[in-house]
Amino acid sequence: MAQVRPMRADARRNYERLLTVAAEAFAAQGEGASLDDIAKRAGVGSGTLYRHFPTRRALLEAAYVDRIDALAARAGELAGRLPPGEALVEWLYELGAGMTRIRGLRALLGSAVGGGGPAGTTSGCCDPLKAAVALLVAAAREAGALRTDVDPVDVLRLAHGVATASELADGEAGEGSHLRRYLGLLMEGLRP
């Protein structure tokens, strides 16, 4: 079995700078942000970027893994302190607000729940979000706050659409003022 060598200190710094700059670029410009610009702003060459992240998708996933994990953890926190239906709505609001502010996150979630796309586009990076929504949906169904025919992936797909609709309604500012209203409309349709 081959041993994985630890990263040299300079390579580790380059890696961290690339992640920081990429997260900012993807948040501002979406998943289509220029990789050459990301490398330049991080102070490295394109070869260094591709050595660490062979594909745009790999960079996008690495840039948001901490945010995805934090959102997933929030599901458990909310489930522990709110009634099931309220916990689901509040978590969907936080997820939607995250997708509105961070367009790269919306792109990741969209491909993870899209049910298709090019081969290799889903790597499991959004699995923590899928597990989180499954927990909340099961509790909300059991409490009678959600229709029994609603699947967790349905809820994630609808949340993706609500975030997109909210951003369209709010314009480029992306303030999220329509997000709660649209989630309310969505949940009315999902109640038994």
Protein backbone atom coordinates (compact mmCIF):
# COMPACT_ATOMS: atom_id res chain seq x y z
CA MET A 1 0.00 0.00 0.00
CA ALA A 2 1.38 3.43 -0.96
CA GLN A 3 1.97 5.91 1.81
CA VAL A 4 0.61 9.41 1.50
CA ARG A 5 3.31 11.95 2.20
CA PRO A 6 2.31 14.93 4.29
CA MET A 7 2.15 18.24 2.46
CA ARG A 8 5.15 20.52 2.67
CA ALA A 9 4.48 23.77 4.55
CA ASP A 10 4.54 25.90 1.38
CA ALA A 11 2.22 23.47 -0.43
CA ARG A 12 -0.16 23.56 2.55
CA ARG A 13 -0.18 27.40 2.48
CA ASN A 14 -0.88 27.38 -1.27
CA TYR A 15 -3.70 24.88 -0.76
CA GLU A 16 -5.28 27.00 1.99
CA ARG A 17 -4.93 30.25 -0.01
CA LEU A 18 -6.52 28.58 -3.03
CA LEU A 19 -9.48 27.44 -0.92
CA THR A 20 -9.98 30.89 0.60
CA VAL A 21 -9.81 32.71 -2.73
CA ALA A 22 -11.96 30.08 -4.46
CA ALA A 23 -14.70 30.31 -1.83
CA GLU A 24 -14.79 34.09 -2.28
CA ALA A 25 -14.81 33.84 -6.08
CA PHE A 26 -17.48 31.14 -6.22
CA ALA A 27 -19.63 33.07 -3.74
CA ALA A 28 -19.41 36.24 -5.80
CA GLN A 29 -19.42 34.86 -9.34
CA GLY A 30 -20.94 31.40 -9.04
CA GLU A 31 -19.46 28.10 -10.13
CA GLY A 32 -18.20 29.60 -13.40
CA ALA A 33 -15.60 31.82 -11.69
CA SER A 34 -12.33 31.87 -13.62
CA LEU A 35 -9.88 29.30 -12.30
CA ASP A 36 -6.96 31.27 -13.75
CA ASP A 37 -8.12 34.35 -11.80
CA ILE A 38 -8.44 32.26 -8.64
CA ALA A 39 -4.86 31.00 -9.06
CA LYS A 40 -3.57 34.51 -9.76
CA ARG A 41 -5.38 36.02 -6.75
CA ALA A 42 -4.00 33.21 -4.56
CA GLY A 43 -0.49 34.04 -5.78
CA VAL A 44 0.12 30.69 -7.45
CA GLY A 45 0.32 29.40 -10.98
CA SER A 46 -2.46 27.49 -12.71
CA GLY A 47 -0.36 24.33 -12.50
CA THR A 48 -0.37 24.56 -8.71
CA LEU A 49 -4.14 24.95 -8.69
CA TYR A 50 -4.63 21.89 -10.90
CA ARG A 51 -2.11 19.84 -8.92
CA HIS A 52 -4.24 20.35 -5.80
CA PHE A 53 -7.64 20.38 -7.55
CA PRO A 54 -7.65 18.52 -10.89
CA THR A 55 -11.19 19.70 -11.75
CA ARG A 56 -13.37 22.73 -11.13
CA ARG A 57 -15.74 20.43 -9.27
CA ALA A 58 -12.98 19.26 -6.90
CA LEU A 59 -12.13 22.88 -6.05
CA LEU A 60 -15.79 23.80 -5.59
CA GLU A 61 -16.37 20.86 -3.25
CA ALA A 62 -13.23 21.52 -1.22
CA ALA A 63 -14.12 25.20 -0.89
CA TYR A 64 -17.51 24.40 0.65
CA VAL A 65 -17.01 21.17 2.61
CA ASP A 66 -16.88 23.04 5.93
CA ARG A 67 -20.00 25.06 5.10
CA ILE A 68 -21.88 21.91 4.08
CA ASP A 69 -20.87 20.15 7.29
CA ALA A 70 -21.94 23.16 9.38
CA LEU A 71 -25.34 23.32 7.69
CA ALA A 72 -25.82 19.60 8.23
CA ALA A 73 -24.93 19.94 11.91
CA ARG A 74 -27.52 22.70 12.29
CA ALA A 75 -30.27 20.19 11.49
CA GLY A 76 -29.51 18.26 14.66
CA GLU A 77 -29.30 21.44 16.72
CA LEU A 78 -32.64 22.70 15.44
CA ALA A 79 -34.28 19.29 15.86
CA GLY A 80 -33.19 19.31 19.48
CA ARG A 81 -34.82 22.62 20.34
CA LEU A 82 -37.79 23.16 17.99
CA PRO A 83 -40.90 21.17 17.12
CA PRO A 84 -40.28 19.01 14.01
CA GLY A 85 -42.15 21.17 11.49
CA GLU A 86 -40.52 24.36 12.75
CA ALA A 87 -37.08 22.75 12.80
CA LEU A 88 -37.48 21.76 9.14
CA VAL A 89 -38.63 25.25 8.10
CA GLU A 90 -35.84 26.98 10.01
CA TRP A 91 -33.21 24.63 8.57
CA LEU A 92 -34.56 25.15 5.06
CA TYR A 93 -34.36 28.90 5.63
CA GLU A 94 -30.72 28.64 6.69
CA LEU A 95 -29.96 26.38 3.73
CA GLY A 96 -31.74 28.76 1.35
CA ALA A 97 -29.98 31.80 2.79
CA GLY A 98 -26.66 30.00 2.34
CA MET A 99 -27.46 29.17 -1.28
CA THR A 100 -28.55 32.75 -1.95
CA ARG A 101 -25.35 34.21 -0.51
CA ILE A 102 -23.05 31.51 -1.89
CA ARG A 103 -23.96 30.66 -5.45
CA GLY A 104 -21.33 27.93 -5.66
CA LEU A 105 -23.11 26.12 -2.84
CA ARG A 106 -26.34 26.21 -4.82
CA ALA A 107 -24.54 24.71 -7.81
CA LEU A 108 -23.21 21.83 -5.69
CA LEU A 109 -26.60 21.09 -4.16
CA GLY A 110 -28.32 21.38 -7.52
CA SER A 111 -26.12 18.75 -9.12
CA ALA A 112 -26.33 16.52 -6.03
CA VAL A 113 -30.13 16.38 -6.14
CA GLY A 114 -30.64 16.89 -9.85
CA GLY A 115 -30.97 13.20 -10.57
CA GLY A 116 -28.85 13.34 -13.68
CA GLY A 117 -26.12 15.28 -15.34
CA PRO A 118 -22.80 14.21 -16.72
CA ALA A 119 -21.14 11.14 -15.26
CA GLY A 120 -19.02 11.89 -12.25
CA THR A 121 -20.77 15.11 -11.27
CA THR A 122 -22.02 13.78 -7.96
CA SER A 123 -19.30 12.80 -5.55
CA GLY A 124 -21.14 12.64 -2.26
CA CYS A 125 -20.06 16.08 -1.07
CA CYS A 126 -23.68 16.92 -0.25
CA ASP A 127 -24.38 13.62 1.51
CA PRO A 128 -24.31 15.36 4.93
CA LEU A 129 -27.12 17.66 3.74
CA LYS A 130 -29.09 14.68 2.46
CA ALA A 131 -28.72 12.94 5.83
CA ALA A 132 -29.72 16.12 7.67
CA VAL A 133 -32.87 16.66 5.64
CA ALA A 134 -33.77 12.98 5.98
CA LEU A 135 -33.68 13.36 9.76
CA LEU A 136 -35.84 16.49 9.70
CA VAL A 137 -38.32 15.16 7.13
CA ALA A 138 -38.82 11.89 9.04
CA ALA A 139 -39.50 13.79 12.27
CA ALA A 140 -41.87 16.24 10.56
CA ARG A 141 -43.81 13.41 8.88
CA GLU A 142 -44.09 11.51 12.16
CA ALA A 143 -45.34 14.66 13.92
CA GLY A 144 -47.98 15.20 11.23
CA ALA A 145 -46.38 18.45 10.04
CA LEU A 146 -45.47 17.07 6.61
CA ARG A 147 -47.24 14.92 4.04
CA THR A 148 -46.21 11.29 4.14
CA ASP A 149 -45.52 11.15 0.40
CA VAL A 150 -42.77 13.79 0.57
CA ASP A 151 -39.23 12.44 0.25
CA PRO A 152 -36.12 14.19 1.59
CA VAL A 153 -34.73 14.66 -1.92
CA ASP A 154 -38.03 16.31 -2.92
CA VAL A 155 -37.52 18.82 -0.12
CA LEU A 156 -33.92 19.55 -1.16
CA ARG A 157 -34.95 20.04 -4.78
CA LEU A 158 -37.75 22.38 -3.73
CA ALA A 159 -35.39 24.28 -1.40
CA HIS A 160 -33.01 24.73 -4.32
CA GLY A 161 -35.86 26.16 -6.38
CA VAL A 162 -36.99 28.44 -3.56
CA ALA A 163 -33.46 29.84 -3.18
CA THR A 164 -33.28 30.46 -6.92
CA ALA A 165 -36.72 32.11 -6.98
CA SER A 166 -35.80 34.26 -3.97
CA GLU A 167 -32.65 35.50 -5.64
CA LEU A 168 -34.57 36.31 -8.82
CA ALA A 169 -37.20 38.23 -6.86
CA ASP A 170 -34.60 40.10 -4.81
CA GLY A 171 -32.49 41.01 -7.84
CA GLU A 172 -28.74 41.03 -7.81
CA ALA A 173 -28.60 42.26 -4.20
CA GLY A 174 -29.60 38.79 -3.03
CA GLU A 175 -30.93 40.11 0.25
CA GLY A 176 -33.23 37.13 0.80
CA SER A 177 -36.31 39.18 1.63
CA HIS A 178 -38.54 36.80 -0.33
CA LEU A 179 -37.01 33.62 1.07
CA ARG A 180 -39.25 33.30 4.16
CA ARG A 181 -42.37 34.08 2.10
CA TYR A 182 -41.53 31.47 -0.52
CA LEU A 183 -40.68 28.89 2.13
CA GLY A 184 -44.04 29.57 3.75
CA LEU A 185 -45.79 28.96 0.45
CA LEU A 186 -43.76 25.80 -0.09
CA MET A 187 -44.57 24.43 3.36
CA GLU A 188 -48.28 25.10 2.89
CA GLY A 189 -48.15 22.77 -0.08
CA LEU A 190 -46.21 20.12 1.82
CA ARG A 191 -48.48 19.96 4.87
CA PRO A 192 -50.96 17.09 5.10
